[in-house]
C-alpha cells in the first residue's frame, strides 16, 4: 500500500506555518550529485539540514551549486561549521545565522553546528544541523551542547536534525529525545531506517523538534513522488529523513 503524502508547505489563517524539513548526510558530494539534487528537489523542502557538506577546495561553490540545482539557496555552514550546513527555500526569511565549532578532542574529527533563526510568515523557528562524534563520551557531551545551543537561540520553537551516529537506544539519542520530540517516534511516516541505502537496518539520523511544534509526519521518503531507489542508492551513503511540521505563530 502506497505511503500517503505528507502535507504541503503553507501558512494557516492563525499565522502558523506548515513546513517541510529534510535532514541528509551527503558524504561531501562524492557520489552522484545529480541524483542527490533530484532527491532533495523531489522532497520540496523549506529547510535542508545537511551533514558532511564539502569542506575543502571550492566548497562554497559546490554547496551553492547543489542548492541551486535543488531549487534552494545556501543559508549557512559547510567548512565553517566543519561539515553541517543549512539550505532553505525562498519562502524562508532569515533573521540570522551562525556557524559553531565544537571543542576539538585530539585525534578525533572536529565537529560543529550550523544554526539559524528563520521566519515563515508569523512563525519563527530556530534551526540546527549536526553531525555528532563517533566516540561515545564525546558524542554525549555534544548532545548536551546541542540542547544548550538550541536554548541559546532565544526562540520558543526550534528544530534540530542530523547524523547522530547512534541508534535510538543509545544514551545520547535518549538524552536528546527526553528534551525534544523525536519526530519519527511522534508521528512515523514512510520508512524508519536511514543506514545504509543498500541495506537499511538502523536509524542513526533524526529530526528533533521542541515540544510546541506539531509533527505531522516524519521518516525516510522511500515512496515519495519523484524519488527512485536508484537515486537514493546513488546519491550518498545515508537515506534522507523528511518531516512535515506545523510551527505556531510567534506570540
Protein backbone atom coordinates (compact mmCIF):
# COMPACT_ATOMS: atom_id res chain seq x y z
CA UNK A 1 0.00 0.00 0.00
CA UNK A 2 1.49 3.38 -1.03
CA UNK A 3 2.54 5.76 1.74
CA UNK A 4 0.15 8.74 1.94
CA UNK A 5 1.83 12.04 1.05
CA UNK A 6 2.99 14.48 3.69
CA UNK A 7 1.15 17.81 3.92
CA UNK A 8 2.41 20.53 1.61
CA UNK A 9 4.01 23.69 2.89
CA UNK A 10 1.66 26.53 3.66
CA UNK A 11 0.52 29.21 6.07
CA UNK A 12 -2.65 28.87 8.13
CA UNK A 13 -5.16 31.66 8.97
CA UNK A 14 -3.97 31.64 12.59
CA UNK A 15 -0.43 32.51 11.45
CA UNK A 16 1.04 29.05 11.98
CA UNK A 17 3.16 27.59 9.18
CA UNK A 18 3.43 24.07 7.82
CA UNK A 19 7.00 23.46 6.69
CA UNK A 20 8.97 20.56 5.27
CA UNK A 21 12.34 19.82 6.85
CA UNK A 22 14.86 17.44 5.29
CA UNK A 23 17.95 16.06 7.06
CA UNK A 24 20.57 14.45 4.83
CA UNK A 25 24.17 13.25 5.14
CA UNK A 26 25.57 13.90 1.64
CA UNK A 27 29.09 12.44 2.08
CA UNK A 28 30.87 15.57 0.81
CA UNK A 29 29.10 15.22 -2.56
CA UNK A 30 31.47 12.42 -3.52
CA UNK A 31 28.74 10.36 -5.17
CA UNK A 32 26.15 11.10 -7.88
CA UNK A 33 25.38 14.79 -7.35
CA UNK A 34 22.64 14.82 -9.99
CA UNK A 35 20.83 12.02 -8.14
CA UNK A 36 21.37 13.88 -4.86
CA UNK A 37 19.81 17.06 -6.24
CA UNK A 38 16.85 15.11 -7.63
CA UNK A 39 16.14 13.53 -4.24
CA UNK A 40 16.32 16.88 -2.45
CA UNK A 41 14.17 18.67 -5.03
CA UNK A 42 11.52 15.92 -5.02
CA UNK A 43 11.05 16.39 -1.26
CA UNK A 44 10.18 20.09 -1.83
CA UNK A 45 11.78 21.11 1.49
CA UNK A 46 11.66 24.54 3.09
CA UNK A 47 14.78 23.70 5.10
CA UNK A 48 17.56 21.19 4.45
CA UNK A 49 19.80 20.18 7.35
CA UNK A 50 22.93 18.81 5.71
CA UNK A 51 25.79 16.79 7.17
CA UNK A 52 29.16 16.20 5.52
CA UNK A 53 28.90 19.19 3.22
CA UNK A 54 32.03 19.82 1.15
CA UNK A 55 34.81 21.30 3.34
CA UNK A 56 37.80 21.69 1.06
CA UNK A 57 38.67 23.06 -2.39
CA UNK A 58 35.88 25.35 -3.71
CA UNK A 59 33.48 24.05 -1.09
CA UNK A 60 31.26 27.16 -1.21
CA UNK A 61 30.80 26.82 -4.96
CA UNK A 62 29.94 23.12 -4.66
CA UNK A 63 27.35 23.74 -1.93
CA UNK A 64 25.85 26.67 -3.83
CA UNK A 65 25.59 24.54 -6.97
CA UNK A 66 23.76 21.80 -5.07
CA UNK A 67 21.39 24.37 -3.59
CA UNK A 68 20.65 25.96 -6.96
CA UNK A 69 20.14 22.61 -8.69
CA UNK A 70 17.71 21.65 -5.92
CA UNK A 71 15.77 24.93 -6.16
CA UNK A 72 17.18 26.29 -2.89
CA UNK A 73 19.76 28.74 -1.56
CA UNK A 74 22.62 28.32 0.91
CA UNK A 75 21.80 29.58 4.40
CA UNK A 76 24.87 28.72 6.49
CA UNK A 77 27.52 26.15 7.30
CA UNK A 78 29.90 24.00 5.32
CA UNK A 79 33.60 24.15 6.12
CA UNK A 80 32.98 26.94 8.63
CA UNK A 81 30.89 24.50 10.72
CA UNK A 82 33.16 21.53 9.95
CA UNK A 83 30.55 19.82 7.81
CA UNK A 84 26.97 20.66 8.86
CA UNK A 85 25.15 23.13 6.61
CA UNK A 86 21.71 24.62 6.07
CA UNK A 87 19.85 25.23 2.82
CA UNK A 88 16.47 26.94 2.57
CA UNK A 89 13.77 27.86 0.10
CA UNK A 90 12.98 31.45 -0.79
CA UNK A 91 9.91 31.08 1.41
CA UNK A 92 12.15 31.49 4.47
CA UNK A 93 13.05 34.91 5.84
CA UNK A 94 16.45 34.64 7.51
CA UNK A 95 16.92 36.64 10.71
CA UNK A 96 20.44 35.45 11.49
CA UNK A 97 22.82 32.53 11.05
CA UNK A 98 25.86 31.34 12.98
CA UNK A 99 28.35 28.54 12.48
CA UNK A 100 29.67 26.92 15.66
CA UNK A 101 32.88 24.90 16.04
CA UNK A 102 32.80 22.49 18.97
CA UNK A 103 35.80 21.75 21.21
CA UNK A 104 38.39 19.59 19.48
CA UNK A 105 39.37 16.29 21.06
CA UNK A 106 42.94 15.42 19.99
CA UNK A 107 42.94 12.59 17.49
CA UNK A 108 39.24 12.96 16.63
CA UNK A 109 37.45 14.80 13.84
CA UNK A 110 36.43 18.41 14.52
CA UNK A 111 32.66 18.80 14.82
CA UNK A 112 30.35 21.79 14.61
CA UNK A 113 26.79 23.08 14.30
CA UNK A 114 25.18 25.13 11.54
CA UNK A 115 22.49 27.28 13.13
CA UNK A 116 19.97 29.92 12.11
CA UNK A 117 16.77 31.68 13.09
CA UNK A 118 14.22 31.94 10.28
CA UNK A 119 10.63 33.03 9.80
CA UNK A 120 7.81 31.65 7.70
CA UNK A 121 5.19 34.34 7.84
CA UNK A 122 4.43 34.82 11.54
CA UNK A 123 6.07 31.53 12.56
CA UNK A 124 9.60 31.93 13.94
CA UNK A 125 11.94 28.96 14.15
CA UNK A 126 15.43 28.12 15.37
CA UNK A 127 17.29 25.58 13.21
CA UNK A 128 20.37 23.45 13.88
CA UNK A 129 22.19 20.85 11.78
CA UNK A 130 24.62 18.48 13.48
CA UNK A 131 26.89 15.50 12.90
CA UNK A 132 27.81 14.01 16.26
CA UNK A 133 31.01 12.20 17.17
CA UNK A 134 31.74 8.54 16.58
CA UNK A 135 33.26 8.43 20.08
CA UNK A 136 30.64 7.67 22.75
CA UNK A 137 31.69 10.07 25.52
CA UNK A 138 32.38 12.96 23.17
CA UNK A 139 29.05 12.33 21.45
CA UNK A 140 27.21 12.54 24.78
CA UNK A 141 28.87 15.88 25.57
CA UNK A 142 27.98 17.18 22.14
CA UNK A 143 24.35 16.20 22.75
CA UNK A 144 24.35 18.49 25.77
CA UNK A 145 25.94 21.27 23.72
CA UNK A 146 23.20 20.84 21.11
CA UNK A 147 20.49 21.32 23.73
CA UNK A 148 22.30 24.35 25.15
CA UNK A 149 22.71 25.88 21.71
CA UNK A 150 19.02 25.44 20.86
CA UNK A 151 18.07 27.10 24.16
CA UNK A 152 20.51 29.91 23.40
CA UNK A 153 18.87 30.76 20.09
CA UNK A 154 16.26 32.73 22.02
CA UNK A 155 13.21 31.36 20.20
CA UNK A 156 10.23 29.42 21.51
CA UNK A 157 10.25 26.83 18.72
CA UNK A 158 13.22 25.05 17.20
CA UNK A 159 14.16 22.03 15.12
CA UNK A 160 17.44 20.12 15.07
CA UNK A 161 18.48 17.31 12.81
CA UNK A 162 21.40 15.32 11.65
CA UNK A 163 23.54 12.25 11.73
CA UNK A 164 23.62 11.28 15.41
CA UNK A 165 25.94 8.31 14.84
CA UNK A 166 23.81 6.42 17.34
CA UNK A 167 20.64 4.32 17.42
CA UNK A 168 17.56 5.37 19.43
CA UNK A 169 18.50 3.18 22.40
CA UNK A 170 21.83 4.99 22.83
CA UNK A 171 22.27 7.35 25.76
CA UNK A 172 22.93 10.45 23.62
CA UNK A 173 19.90 9.81 21.41
CA UNK A 174 17.80 9.24 24.53
CA UNK A 175 19.18 12.40 26.14
CA UNK A 176 18.02 14.42 23.14
CA UNK A 177 14.67 12.63 22.90
CA UNK A 178 13.96 13.40 26.55
CA UNK A 179 14.14 17.15 25.91
CA UNK A 180 12.91 17.19 22.31
CA UNK A 181 10.41 15.30 20.20
CA UNK A 182 11.96 12.50 18.16
CA UNK A 183 9.80 13.22 15.13
CA UNK A 184 9.81 9.64 13.81
CA UNK A 185 8.57 8.32 17.16
CA UNK A 186 5.98 11.10 17.47
CA UNK A 187 4.45 10.67 14.02
CA UNK A 188 6.03 7.87 11.94
CA UNK A 189 5.65 8.14 8.19
CA UNK A 190 7.47 6.50 5.30
CA UNK A 191 10.28 4.21 6.38
CA UNK A 192 12.42 4.20 9.53
CA UNK A 193 15.97 3.07 8.82
CA UNK A 194 18.48 5.53 7.39
CA UNK A 195 21.65 3.44 7.03
CA UNK A 196 22.59 2.15 4.59
CA UNK A 197 20.71 2.77 1.30
CA UNK A 198 21.68 -0.68 0.02
CA UNK A 199 20.76 -2.41 3.30
CA UNK A 200 18.63 -0.22 5.58
CA UNK A 201 18.94 -1.75 9.05
CA UNK A 202 19.47 1.07 11.57
CA UNK A 203 18.22 4.57 12.35
CA UNK A 204 21.14 6.87 13.13
CA UNK A 205 19.74 10.04 11.52
CA UNK A 206 16.89 12.01 13.06
CA UNK A 207 14.87 15.20 13.10
CA UNK A 208 14.07 16.54 16.58
CA UNK A 209 11.64 19.32 17.47
CA UNK A 210 10.77 21.34 20.56
CA UNK A 211 7.51 20.31 22.28
CA UNK A 212 5.35 23.15 20.93
CA UNK A 213 5.77 22.06 17.32
CA UNK A 214 3.18 19.69 15.84
CA UNK A 215 4.78 16.79 13.97
CA UNK A 216 2.57 15.88 11.02
CA UNK A 217 4.78 13.05 9.79
CA UNK A 218 8.44 12.06 9.66
CA UNK A 219 10.51 9.32 8.04
CA UNK A 220 12.53 8.18 5.06
CA UNK A 221 10.68 9.17 1.84
CA UNK A 222 11.08 5.85 0.03
CA UNK A 223 7.78 6.05 -1.86
CA UNK A 224 7.73 9.81 -2.28
CA UNK A 225 6.76 11.03 -5.78
CA UNK A 226 9.83 11.76 -7.88
CA UNK A 227 12.21 9.68 -5.73
CA UNK A 228 13.59 6.42 -7.07
CA UNK A 229 15.51 3.65 -5.34
CA UNK A 230 18.27 4.15 -7.90
CA UNK A 231 18.71 7.81 -6.93
CA UNK A 232 18.64 7.03 -3.21
CA UNK A 233 21.41 4.47 -3.62
CA UNK A 234 23.46 6.63 -5.97
CA UNK A 235 23.21 9.93 -4.08
CA UNK A 236 25.13 9.15 -0.87
CA UNK A 237 25.64 6.52 1.84
CA UNK A 238 22.69 7.61 4.03
CA UNK A 239 18.96 7.82 3.40
CA UNK A 240 17.29 11.20 3.99
CA UNK A 241 14.79 11.99 6.73
CA UNK A 242 11.82 14.19 5.77
CA UNK A 243 9.38 15.78 8.23
CA UNK A 244 6.31 17.95 7.91
CA UNK A 245 5.96 20.26 10.91
CA UNK A 246 3.37 22.82 11.94
CA UNK A 247 5.08 25.71 13.71
CA UNK A 248 2.83 28.03 15.78
CA UNK A 249 2.79 31.75 15.09
CA UNK A 250 5.11 33.75 17.29
CA UNK A 251 3.33 35.24 20.27
